[in-house]
Structure formats: C-alpha cells, structure tokens
C-alpha cells in the first residue's frame, strides 16, 4: 500500500486536475496526497487487494470520487452513493480470479 509520500507517479497531478486544482502549493499537495492515500487504503480493503489507480478503470474512478467527497467533507455519504460501483469493482475482481483459476486448473 502506498503512503502519502509514495503515491504512484503522476497520480497526485491527475487527481488535482480532476478536482480543478490549478495551483501548486505544498499544503494543498500534502492534503490531497493524504486523501489519496486514505482512499487507496479504503478501496484496497473493499477490493481485497491493491487496486491499480494508474490506469483507467473502476478503482481509479472510485478513488477520484473518494477524494472529491473527502475534500468536501462528505465521506459519510460516499459509500451509499457509490455502493453499486464498489460492488461492480468487487464482482470484476471475483470474475477475474475465477477465470484465472479456471485456466490454471488441471
């Protein structure tokens, strides 16, 4: 799991762009980096493994939305609003694992 000081390359810039944060400032970067790290830990827990937040897909989409909600002090409604997408992400993982096991089965 990446901490706020070891986020994947480019992720902070991508999240800031998504949030329309066009300025560079150490305090803002530290706050957004902390929210990203928190979101990654939360989503990894829901996914049951480390998500890929560098590629387009459900983990990245949910991470960006998590950070937006956290920045707006609305995390109390995040899971309810995104439950369908969280379940979709979990189902995609389950199907992928099933397919991997079916291929490797004797």
C-alpha atoms as a PDB file:
ATOM      1  CA  UNK A   1       0.000   0.000   0.000  1.00  0.00           C
ATOM      2  CA  UNK A   2       1.309   3.423  -0.949  1.00  0.00           C
ATOM      3  CA  UNK A   3       1.515   6.091   1.688  1.00  0.00           C
ATOM      4  CA  UNK A   4       1.088   9.787   1.071  1.00  0.00           C
ATOM      5  CA  UNK A   5       4.840  10.091   0.424  1.00  0.00           C
ATOM      6  CA  UNK A   6       4.971   7.247  -2.105  1.00  0.00           C
ATOM      7  CA  UNK A   7       1.964   7.667  -4.380  1.00  0.00           C
ATOM      8  CA  UNK A   8       2.187   6.219  -7.889  1.00  0.00           C
ATOM      9  CA  UNK A   9       3.857   8.628 -10.311  1.00  0.00           C
ATOM     10  CA  UNK A  10       1.511  11.196 -11.747  1.00  0.00           C
ATOM     11  CA  UNK A  11      -1.441  10.293  -9.533  1.00  0.00           C
ATOM     12  CA  UNK A  12      -1.359  13.492  -7.475  1.00  0.00           C
ATOM     13  CA  UNK A  13      -1.309  15.608 -10.650  1.00  0.00           C
ATOM     14  CA  UNK A  14      -4.177  13.596 -12.150  1.00  0.00           C
ATOM     15  CA  UNK A  15      -6.335  13.958  -9.027  1.00  0.00           C
ATOM     16  CA  UNK A  16      -5.582  17.674  -8.772  1.00  0.00           C
ATOM     17  CA  UNK A  17      -6.585  18.088 -12.415  1.00  0.00           C
ATOM     18  CA  UNK A  18      -9.820  16.179 -11.764  1.00  0.00           C
ATOM     19  CA  UNK A  19     -10.582  18.465  -8.825  1.00  0.00           C
ATOM     20  CA  UNK A  20      -9.730  21.589 -10.868  1.00  0.00           C
ATOM     21  CA  UNK A  21      -6.869  22.457  -8.514  1.00  0.00           C
ATOM     22  CA  UNK A  22      -4.731  24.528 -10.853  1.00  0.00           C
ATOM     23  CA  UNK A  23      -2.285  25.960  -8.306  1.00  0.00           C
ATOM     24  CA  UNK A  24       0.810  24.463  -6.746  1.00  0.00           C
ATOM     25  CA  UNK A  25       1.085  24.798  -3.022  1.00  0.00           C
ATOM     26  CA  UNK A  26       2.738  22.493  -0.526  1.00  0.00           C
ATOM     27  CA  UNK A  27      -0.164  22.454   1.946  1.00  0.00           C
ATOM     28  CA  UNK A  28      -2.715  21.599  -0.744  1.00  0.00           C
ATOM     29  CA  UNK A  29      -0.477  18.886  -2.174  1.00  0.00           C
ATOM     30  CA  UNK A  30       0.010  17.391   1.295  1.00  0.00           C
ATOM     31  CA  UNK A  31      -3.725  17.419   1.993  1.00  0.00           C
ATOM     32  CA  UNK A  32      -4.674  15.889  -1.370  1.00  0.00           C
ATOM     33  CA  UNK A  33      -1.874  13.301  -1.079  1.00  0.00           C
ATOM     34  CA  UNK A  34      -3.223  12.272   2.323  1.00  0.00           C
ATOM     35  CA  UNK A  35      -6.737  11.951   0.917  1.00  0.00           C
ATOM     36  CA  UNK A  36      -5.427   9.863  -1.983  1.00  0.00           C
ATOM     37  CA  UNK A  37      -3.537   7.533   0.388  1.00  0.00           C
ATOM     38  CA  UNK A  38      -6.624   7.207   2.597  1.00  0.00           C
ATOM     39  CA  UNK A  39      -8.808   6.497  -0.426  1.00  0.00           C
ATOM     40  CA  UNK A  40      -6.413   3.873  -1.735  1.00  0.00           C
ATOM     41  CA  UNK A  41      -6.381   2.101   1.641  1.00  0.00           C
ATOM     42  CA  UNK A  42     -10.191   2.222   1.819  1.00  0.00           C
ATOM     43  CA  UNK A  43     -10.686   0.924  -1.727  1.00  0.00           C
ATOM     44  CA  UNK A  44      -7.983  -1.741  -1.381  1.00  0.00           C
ATOM     45  CA  UNK A  45      -9.923  -3.008   1.642  1.00  0.00           C
ATOM     46  CA  UNK A  46     -13.130  -3.138  -0.371  1.00  0.00           C
ATOM     47  CA  UNK A  47     -11.357  -4.790  -3.288  1.00  0.00           C
ATOM     48  CA  UNK A  48      -9.442  -7.313  -1.200  1.00  0.00           C
ATOM     49  CA  UNK A  49      -6.184  -6.499  -2.980  1.00  0.00           C
ATOM     50  CA  UNK A  50      -4.204  -3.497  -4.156  1.00  0.00           C
ATOM     51  CA  UNK A  51      -6.062  -1.663  -6.891  1.00  0.00           C
ATOM     52  CA  UNK A  52      -4.427  -0.177  -9.969  1.00  0.00           C
ATOM     53  CA  UNK A  53      -5.044   3.537  -9.647  1.00  0.00           C
ATOM     54  CA  UNK A  54      -2.775   4.485 -12.556  1.00  0.00           C
ATOM     55  CA  UNK A  55      -4.949   3.004 -15.303  1.00  0.00           C
ATOM     56  CA  UNK A  56      -8.466   3.962 -16.302  1.00  0.00           C
ATOM     57  CA  UNK A  57     -10.983   1.677 -14.641  1.00  0.00           C
ATOM     58  CA  UNK A  58     -13.268   1.338 -11.664  1.00  0.00           C
ATOM     59  CA  UNK A  59     -10.584   1.595  -8.917  1.00  0.00           C
ATOM     60  CA  UNK A  60      -9.279   4.868 -10.369  1.00  0.00           C
ATOM     61  CA  UNK A  61     -12.773   6.285 -10.887  1.00  0.00           C
ATOM     62  CA  UNK A  62     -13.762   5.446  -7.322  1.00  0.00           C
ATOM     63  CA  UNK A  63     -10.513   6.875  -5.944  1.00  0.00           C
ATOM     64  CA  UNK A  64     -11.077  10.206  -7.676  1.00  0.00           C
ATOM     65  CA  UNK A  65     -14.637  10.343  -6.346  1.00  0.00           C
ATOM     66  CA  UNK A  66     -13.497   9.340  -2.840  1.00  0.00           C
ATOM     67  CA  UNK A  67     -11.014  12.213  -2.799  1.00  0.00           C
ATOM     68  CA  UNK A  68     -13.665  14.636  -4.077  1.00  0.00           C
ATOM     69  CA  UNK A  69     -16.090  13.583  -1.339  1.00  0.00           C
ATOM     70  CA  UNK A  70     -13.374  13.665   1.342  1.00  0.00           C
ATOM     71  CA  UNK A  71     -12.254  17.128   0.266  1.00  0.00           C
ATOM     72  CA  UNK A  72     -15.848  18.325   0.505  1.00  0.00           C
ATOM     73  CA  UNK A  73     -16.314  16.733   3.978  1.00  0.00           C
ATOM     74  CA  UNK A  74     -18.932  14.328   2.606  1.00  0.00           C
ATOM     75  CA  UNK A  75     -17.376  10.898   3.237  1.00  0.00           C
ATOM     76  CA  UNK A  76     -20.388   9.963   5.341  1.00  0.00           C
ATOM     77  CA  UNK A  77     -22.416   9.589   2.118  1.00  0.00           C
ATOM     78  CA  UNK A  78     -19.699   8.298  -0.233  1.00  0.00           C
ATOM     79  CA  UNK A  79     -20.270   4.571   0.244  1.00  0.00           C
ATOM     80  CA  UNK A  80     -24.039   4.877  -0.044  1.00  0.00           C
ATOM     81  CA  UNK A  81     -23.765   6.907  -3.228  1.00  0.00           C
ATOM     82  CA  UNK A  82     -21.169   4.613  -4.804  1.00  0.00           C
ATOM     83  CA  UNK A  83     -22.246   1.236  -3.444  1.00  0.00           C
ATOM     84  CA  UNK A  84     -23.239  -0.054  -6.889  1.00  0.00           C
ATOM     85  CA  UNK A  85     -19.829   0.842  -8.328  1.00  0.00           C
ATOM     86  CA  UNK A  86     -17.991  -0.626  -5.328  1.00  0.00           C
ATOM     87  CA  UNK A  87     -19.925  -3.879  -5.786  1.00  0.00           C
ATOM     88  CA  UNK A  88     -19.190  -3.788  -9.518  1.00  0.00           C
ATOM     89  CA  UNK A  89     -15.477  -3.430  -8.764  1.00  0.00           C
ATOM     90  CA  UNK A  90     -15.643  -6.390  -6.352  1.00  0.00           C
ATOM     91  CA  UNK A  91     -17.528  -8.500  -8.912  1.00  0.00           C
ATOM     92  CA  UNK A  92     -14.989  -7.719 -11.645  1.00  0.00           C
ATOM     93  CA  UNK A  93     -12.245  -8.932  -9.294  1.00  0.00           C
ATOM     94  CA  UNK A  94     -14.172 -12.125  -8.458  1.00  0.00           C
ATOM     95  CA  UNK A  95     -14.780 -12.909 -12.136  1.00  0.00           C
ATOM     96  CA  UNK A  96     -11.123 -12.258 -12.990  1.00  0.00           C
ATOM     97  CA  UNK A  97      -9.965 -14.557 -10.166  1.00  0.00           C
ATOM     98  CA  UNK A  98     -12.430 -17.252 -11.236  1.00  0.00           C
ATOM     99  CA  UNK A  99     -11.167 -17.065 -14.816  1.00  0.00           C
ATOM    100  CA  UNK A 100      -7.535 -17.226 -13.680  1.00  0.00           C
ATOM    101  CA  UNK A 101      -8.259 -20.284 -11.533  1.00  0.00           C
ATOM    102  CA  UNK A 102     -10.238 -21.992 -14.304  1.00  0.00           C
ATOM    103  CA  UNK A 103      -7.353 -21.573 -16.730  1.00  0.00           C
ATOM    104  CA  UNK A 104      -4.774 -22.895 -14.256  1.00  0.00           C
ATOM    105  CA  UNK A 105      -6.925 -25.824 -13.092  1.00  0.00           C
ATOM    106  CA  UNK A 106      -5.710 -29.282 -14.264  1.00  0.00           C
END
